[in-house]
């Protein structure tokens, strides 16, 4: 897909393409402002659908994510209470929570995201970083891999990417596993 086609697809918005536009993203109550994101690690709750779900609210020990009543409310992020710890990431069944840290280095941001595939990357791996549409936008470096039993088989991967891609990157292209290679 060419850059122009990609932009056309993304510009249609969430309801028609399944991919949030930047305007839609920044309007969600679970998404911090760009100003807050520049100040340090913070969760980004990209939940755009109203349905009965609240594991993020119960997972946040700091009380930074609120659903309230009715349970179909979109999650709201209290940016002052959020420390960017990432405990909420593996608890979201919609895989819609990320942690961004634009203070990771002078030139790079770190992005933490849920990962439910085999093979897990290793710390130090160079990876292809993808956007919300699954398109490769840059390369990144794996800086952390969390895979604890308490995460119920949802690993949390943290990569570093150039800062200009921090709001765009939401995952990595998965490496082929031995089973894939046999096909």
C-alpha atoms as a PDB file:
ATOM      1  CA  UNK A   1       0.000   0.000   0.000  1.00  0.00           C
ATOM      2  CA  UNK A   2       1.444   3.370  -0.968  1.00  0.00           C
ATOM      3  CA  UNK A   3       1.775   6.202   1.533  1.00  0.00           C
ATOM      4  CA  UNK A   4      -1.077   8.061  -0.148  1.00  0.00           C
ATOM      5  CA  UNK A   5      -3.358   4.986  -0.022  1.00  0.00           C
ATOM      6  CA  UNK A   6      -2.414   4.413   3.620  1.00  0.00           C
ATOM      7  CA  UNK A   7      -3.272   8.001   4.497  1.00  0.00           C
ATOM      8  CA  UNK A   8      -6.580   7.768   2.609  1.00  0.00           C
ATOM      9  CA  UNK A   9      -7.497   4.577   4.493  1.00  0.00           C
ATOM     10  CA  UNK A  10      -6.550   6.008   7.879  1.00  0.00           C
ATOM     11  CA  UNK A  11      -8.260   9.318   7.184  1.00  0.00           C
ATOM     12  CA  UNK A  12     -11.600   7.540   6.815  1.00  0.00           C
ATOM     13  CA  UNK A  13     -11.621   6.964  10.530  1.00  0.00           C
ATOM     14  CA  UNK A  14     -12.407   4.221  12.977  1.00  0.00           C
ATOM     15  CA  UNK A  15     -16.024   3.550  12.014  1.00  0.00           C
ATOM     16  CA  UNK A  16     -15.207   2.885   8.358  1.00  0.00           C
ATOM     17  CA  UNK A  17     -11.658   1.520   8.465  1.00  0.00           C
ATOM     18  CA  UNK A  18     -11.249   0.151  12.006  1.00  0.00           C
ATOM     19  CA  UNK A  19      -8.239   2.437  12.475  1.00  0.00           C
ATOM     20  CA  UNK A  20      -8.413   5.490  14.709  1.00  0.00           C
ATOM     21  CA  UNK A  21      -7.411   8.803  13.176  1.00  0.00           C
ATOM     22  CA  UNK A  22      -5.203  11.071  15.280  1.00  0.00           C
ATOM     23  CA  UNK A  23      -8.193  13.340  15.904  1.00  0.00           C
ATOM     24  CA  UNK A  24     -10.344  10.396  17.043  1.00  0.00           C
ATOM     25  CA  UNK A  25      -7.522   9.078  19.210  1.00  0.00           C
ATOM     26  CA  UNK A  26      -6.946  12.371  21.010  1.00  0.00           C
ATOM     27  CA  UNK A  27     -10.680  12.737  21.666  1.00  0.00           C
ATOM     28  CA  UNK A  28     -10.908   9.479  23.655  1.00  0.00           C
ATOM     29  CA  UNK A  29     -11.170   9.932  27.446  1.00  0.00           C
ATOM     30  CA  UNK A  30      -8.457   7.306  28.012  1.00  0.00           C
ATOM     31  CA  UNK A  31      -5.813   9.087  25.949  1.00  0.00           C
ATOM     32  CA  UNK A  32      -3.482  11.656  27.518  1.00  0.00           C
ATOM     33  CA  UNK A  33      -2.750  14.976  25.871  1.00  0.00           C
ATOM     34  CA  UNK A  34       0.454  15.319  23.880  1.00  0.00           C
ATOM     35  CA  UNK A  35       1.684  17.683  26.592  1.00  0.00           C
ATOM     36  CA  UNK A  36       1.173  15.058  29.327  1.00  0.00           C
ATOM     37  CA  UNK A  37       2.730  12.328  27.174  1.00  0.00           C
ATOM     38  CA  UNK A  38       5.884  14.439  26.833  1.00  0.00           C
ATOM     39  CA  UNK A  39       6.288  14.576  30.631  1.00  0.00           C
ATOM     40  CA  UNK A  40       6.985  10.863  31.273  1.00  0.00           C
ATOM     41  CA  UNK A  41       5.512   7.360  31.128  1.00  0.00           C
ATOM     42  CA  UNK A  42       1.746   7.293  30.799  1.00  0.00           C
ATOM     43  CA  UNK A  43      -0.915   4.789  29.794  1.00  0.00           C
ATOM     44  CA  UNK A  44      -2.853   5.233  26.571  1.00  0.00           C
ATOM     45  CA  UNK A  45      -6.272   3.558  26.633  1.00  0.00           C
ATOM     46  CA  UNK A  46      -7.348   3.347  22.994  1.00  0.00           C
ATOM     47  CA  UNK A  47     -10.772   1.914  23.763  1.00  0.00           C
ATOM     48  CA  UNK A  48     -13.291   3.402  21.325  1.00  0.00           C
ATOM     49  CA  UNK A  49     -16.230   1.013  21.781  1.00  0.00           C
ATOM     50  CA  UNK A  50     -18.875   1.132  24.485  1.00  0.00           C
ATOM     51  CA  UNK A  51     -19.372  -2.407  25.734  1.00  0.00           C
ATOM     52  CA  UNK A  52     -19.470  -4.019  29.196  1.00  0.00           C
ATOM     53  CA  UNK A  53     -15.833  -4.325  30.223  1.00  0.00           C
ATOM     54  CA  UNK A  54     -13.763  -3.062  33.172  1.00  0.00           C
ATOM     55  CA  UNK A  55     -10.600  -5.152  33.774  1.00  0.00           C
ATOM     56  CA  UNK A  56      -8.457  -2.045  33.211  1.00  0.00           C
ATOM     57  CA  UNK A  57     -10.221  -0.237  36.056  1.00  0.00           C
ATOM     58  CA  UNK A  58      -9.696  -3.110  38.496  1.00  0.00           C
ATOM     59  CA  UNK A  59      -6.092  -3.681  37.324  1.00  0.00           C
ATOM     60  CA  UNK A  60      -4.974  -0.121  38.079  1.00  0.00           C
ATOM     61  CA  UNK A  61      -3.746  -0.038  41.671  1.00  0.00           C
ATOM     62  CA  UNK A  62      -3.320   3.747  41.412  1.00  0.00           C
ATOM     63  CA  UNK A  63      -6.962   4.377  40.489  1.00  0.00           C
ATOM     64  CA  UNK A  64      -5.935   6.112  37.261  1.00  0.00           C
ATOM     65  CA  UNK A  65      -8.479   4.324  35.037  1.00  0.00           C
ATOM     66  CA  UNK A  66     -12.175   4.789  35.716  1.00  0.00           C
ATOM     67  CA  UNK A  67     -15.163   3.172  34.009  1.00  0.00           C
ATOM     68  CA  UNK A  68     -17.800   3.741  36.662  1.00  0.00           C
ATOM     69  CA  UNK A  69     -21.468   3.113  36.008  1.00  0.00           C
ATOM     70  CA  UNK A  70     -22.806   2.087  33.652  1.00  0.00           C
ATOM     71  CA  UNK A  71     -20.120  -0.461  32.870  1.00  0.00           C
ATOM     72  CA  UNK A  72     -20.321   0.425  29.161  1.00  0.00           C
ATOM     73  CA  UNK A  73     -18.648   3.824  29.713  1.00  0.00           C
ATOM     74  CA  UNK A  74     -15.417   4.421  27.849  1.00  0.00           C
ATOM     75  CA  UNK A  75     -12.421   4.240  30.197  1.00  0.00           C
ATOM     76  CA  UNK A  76     -11.248   7.615  31.482  1.00  0.00           C
ATOM     77  CA  UNK A  77      -7.584   8.135  32.331  1.00  0.00           C
ATOM     78  CA  UNK A  78      -6.615  10.340  35.272  1.00  0.00           C
ATOM     79  CA  UNK A  79      -3.256  11.511  33.914  1.00  0.00           C
ATOM     80  CA  UNK A  80      -2.204  12.862  37.320  1.00  0.00           C
ATOM     81  CA  UNK A  81      -2.678   9.453  38.964  1.00  0.00           C
ATOM     82  CA  UNK A  82      -1.142   7.406  36.122  1.00  0.00           C
ATOM     83  CA  UNK A  83       2.482   6.440  36.697  1.00  0.00           C
ATOM     84  CA  UNK A  84       2.810   4.485  33.444  1.00  0.00           C
ATOM     85  CA  UNK A  85       3.522   1.252  35.336  1.00  0.00           C
ATOM     86  CA  UNK A  86       1.806  -0.868  32.651  1.00  0.00           C
ATOM     87  CA  UNK A  87      -0.041  -3.224  35.011  1.00  0.00           C
ATOM     88  CA  UNK A  88      -3.189  -2.531  32.985  1.00  0.00           C
ATOM     89  CA  UNK A  89      -1.708  -3.618  29.635  1.00  0.00           C
ATOM     90  CA  UNK A  90      -2.080  -7.416  29.900  1.00  0.00           C
ATOM     91  CA  UNK A  91      -5.465  -7.146  31.626  1.00  0.00           C
ATOM     92  CA  UNK A  92      -7.246  -5.548  28.652  1.00  0.00           C
ATOM     93  CA  UNK A  93      -9.043  -8.251  26.631  1.00  0.00           C
ATOM     94  CA  UNK A  94      -9.246  -5.838  23.684  1.00  0.00           C
ATOM     95  CA  UNK A  95      -5.449  -5.320  23.622  1.00  0.00           C
ATOM     96  CA  UNK A  96      -6.167  -1.581  23.614  1.00  0.00           C
ATOM     97  CA  UNK A  97      -3.790  -0.294  26.304  1.00  0.00           C
ATOM     98  CA  UNK A  98      -0.238   0.905  25.719  1.00  0.00           C
ATOM     99  CA  UNK A  99       2.328   2.869  27.707  1.00  0.00           C
ATOM    100  CA  UNK A 100       4.312   5.609  26.012  1.00  0.00           C
ATOM    101  CA  UNK A 101       7.404   7.271  27.435  1.00  0.00           C
ATOM    102  CA  UNK A 102       8.749  10.199  25.448  1.00  0.00           C
ATOM    103  CA  UNK A 103      11.430  10.774  28.113  1.00  0.00           C
ATOM    104  CA  UNK A 104      13.142   7.439  27.382  1.00  0.00           C
ATOM    105  CA  UNK A 105      16.055   9.232  25.675  1.00  0.00           C
ATOM    106  CA  UNK A 106      16.783  12.459  23.837  1.00  0.00           C
ATOM    107  CA  UNK A 107      15.933  10.915  20.467  1.00  0.00           C
ATOM    108  CA  UNK A 108      13.740   7.895  21.256  1.00  0.00           C
ATOM    109  CA  UNK A 109      10.428   7.091  22.898  1.00  0.00           C
ATOM    110  CA  UNK A 110       9.600   3.753  24.454  1.00  0.00           C
ATOM    111  CA  UNK A 111       6.316   2.034  23.674  1.00  0.00           C
ATOM    112  CA  UNK A 112       4.974  -0.896  25.730  1.00  0.00           C
ATOM    113  CA  UNK A 113       2.205  -3.007  24.231  1.00  0.00           C
ATOM    114  CA  UNK A 114       0.442  -6.382  24.611  1.00  0.00           C
ATOM    115  CA  UNK A 115       1.816  -9.273  22.562  1.00  0.00           C
ATOM    116  CA  UNK A 116       0.027 -12.634  22.241  1.00  0.00           C
ATOM    117  CA  UNK A 117       2.125 -14.386  19.600  1.00  0.00           C
ATOM    118  CA  UNK A 118       4.895 -16.962  19.440  1.00  0.00           C
ATOM    119  CA  UNK A 119       7.933 -16.481  19.125  1.00  0.00           C
ATOM    120  CA  UNK A 120       8.673 -13.794  21.662  1.00  0.00           C
ATOM    121  CA  UNK A 121      11.356 -11.339  20.640  1.00  0.00           C
ATOM    122  CA  UNK A 122      14.491 -11.030  22.752  1.00  0.00           C
ATOM    123  CA  UNK A 123      15.873  -7.941  24.448  1.00  0.00           C
ATOM    124  CA  UNK A 124      18.226  -6.286  21.973  1.00  0.00           C
ATOM    125  CA  UNK A 125      16.407  -7.543  18.845  1.00  0.00           C
ATOM    126  CA  UNK A 126      15.848  -5.054  16.059  1.00  0.00           C
ATOM    127  CA  UNK A 127      12.194  -5.296  15.028  1.00  0.00           C
ATOM    128  CA  UNK A 128       9.818  -3.840  12.464  1.00  0.00           C
ATOM    129  CA  UNK A 129       7.473  -1.492  14.319  1.00  0.00           C
ATOM    130  CA  UNK A 130       3.892  -1.310  13.027  1.00  0.00           C
ATOM    131  CA  UNK A 131       1.059   1.199  13.305  1.00  0.00           C
ATOM    132  CA  UNK A 132      -2.580   0.565  14.234  1.00  0.00           C
ATOM    133  CA  UNK A 133      -3.268  -0.743  10.725  1.00  0.00           C
ATOM    134  CA  UNK A 134      -0.424  -3.282  10.998  1.00  0.00           C
ATOM    135  CA  UNK A 135       1.791  -1.444   8.525  1.00  0.00           C
ATOM    136  CA  UNK A 136       5.533  -1.192   9.131  1.00  0.00           C
ATOM    137  CA  UNK A 137       6.444   2.435   9.841  1.00  0.00           C
ATOM    138  CA  UNK A 138       9.962   2.220  11.312  1.00  0.00           C
ATOM    139  CA  UNK A 139      12.407  -0.070  13.043  1.00  0.00           C
ATOM    140  CA  UNK A 140      12.676  -0.367  16.779  1.00  0.00           C
ATOM    141  CA  UNK A 141      14.782  -2.117  19.370  1.00  0.00           C
ATOM    142  CA  UNK A 142      13.358  -4.453  22.027  1.00  0.00           C
ATOM    143  CA  UNK A 143      14.281  -3.109  25.458  1.00  0.00           C
ATOM    144  CA  UNK A 144      12.052  -5.258  27.691  1.00  0.00           C
ATOM    145  CA  UNK A 145      10.024  -8.489  27.488  1.00  0.00           C
ATOM    146  CA  UNK A 146       7.610  -9.324  30.308  1.00  0.00           C
ATOM    147  CA  UNK A 147       5.996 -12.742  30.331  1.00  0.00           C
ATOM    148  CA  UNK A 148       4.762 -13.509  33.856  1.00  0.00           C
ATOM    149  CA  UNK A 149       2.119 -16.157  34.684  1.00  0.00           C
ATOM    150  CA  UNK A 150       0.037 -13.386  36.303  1.00  0.00           C
ATOM    151  CA  UNK A 151      -0.320 -11.811  32.843  1.00  0.00           C
ATOM    152  CA  UNK A 152      -2.441 -14.771  31.680  1.00  0.00           C
ATOM    153  CA  UNK A 153      -0.418 -15.463  28.509  1.00  0.00           C
ATOM    154  CA  UNK A 154      -0.363 -11.843  27.384  1.00  0.00           C
ATOM    155  CA  UNK A 155       3.253 -10.748  27.211  1.00  0.00           C
ATOM    156  CA  UNK A 156       4.189  -7.081  27.349  1.00  0.00           C
ATOM    157  CA  UNK A 157       6.898  -5.981  24.939  1.00  0.00           C
ATOM    158  CA  UNK A 158       8.648  -2.610  25.221  1.00  0.00           C
ATOM    159  CA  UNK A 159      10.534  -1.193  22.273  1.00  0.00           C
ATOM    160  CA  UNK A 160      12.341   2.043  21.571  1.00  0.00           C
ATOM    161  CA  UNK A 161      11.571   3.980  18.401  1.00  0.00           C
ATOM    162  CA  UNK A 162      12.440   7.433  17.073  1.00  0.00           C
ATOM    163  CA  UNK A 163      10.260   9.953  18.951  1.00  0.00           C
ATOM    164  CA  UNK A 164       8.438  11.081  15.811  1.00  0.00           C
ATOM    165  CA  UNK A 165       6.813   7.606  15.618  1.00  0.00           C
ATOM    166  CA  UNK A 166       5.777   7.421  19.284  1.00  0.00           C
ATOM    167  CA  UNK A 167       2.119   8.249  18.697  1.00  0.00           C
ATOM    168  CA  UNK A 168       1.929   5.931  15.687  1.00  0.00           C
ATOM    169  CA  UNK A 169       3.684   2.686  16.701  1.00  0.00           C
ATOM    170  CA  UNK A 170       1.438   0.135  18.412  1.00  0.00           C
ATOM    171  CA  UNK A 171       3.193  -3.190  17.924  1.00  0.00           C
ATOM    172  CA  UNK A 172       5.766  -5.182  16.018  1.00  0.00           C
ATOM    173  CA  UNK A 173       5.684  -7.468  13.042  1.00  0.00           C
ATOM    174  CA  UNK A 174       5.767 -10.979  14.388  1.00  0.00           C
ATOM    175  CA  UNK A 175       8.681 -13.277  13.638  1.00  0.00           C
ATOM    176  CA  UNK A 176       7.855 -16.543  11.901  1.00  0.00           C
ATOM    177  CA  UNK A 177       7.866 -19.561  14.179  1.00  0.00           C
ATOM    178  CA  UNK A 178       8.922 -23.083  13.154  1.00  0.00           C
ATOM    179  CA  UNK A 179       5.307 -24.113  12.475  1.00  0.00           C
ATOM    180  CA  UNK A 180       4.892 -21.172  10.056  1.00  0.00           C
ATOM    181  CA  UNK A 181       8.083 -22.156   8.226  1.00  0.00           C
ATOM    182  CA  UNK A 182       6.721 -25.668   7.461  1.00  0.00           C
ATOM    183  CA  UNK A 183       3.803 -24.296   5.456  1.00  0.00           C
END
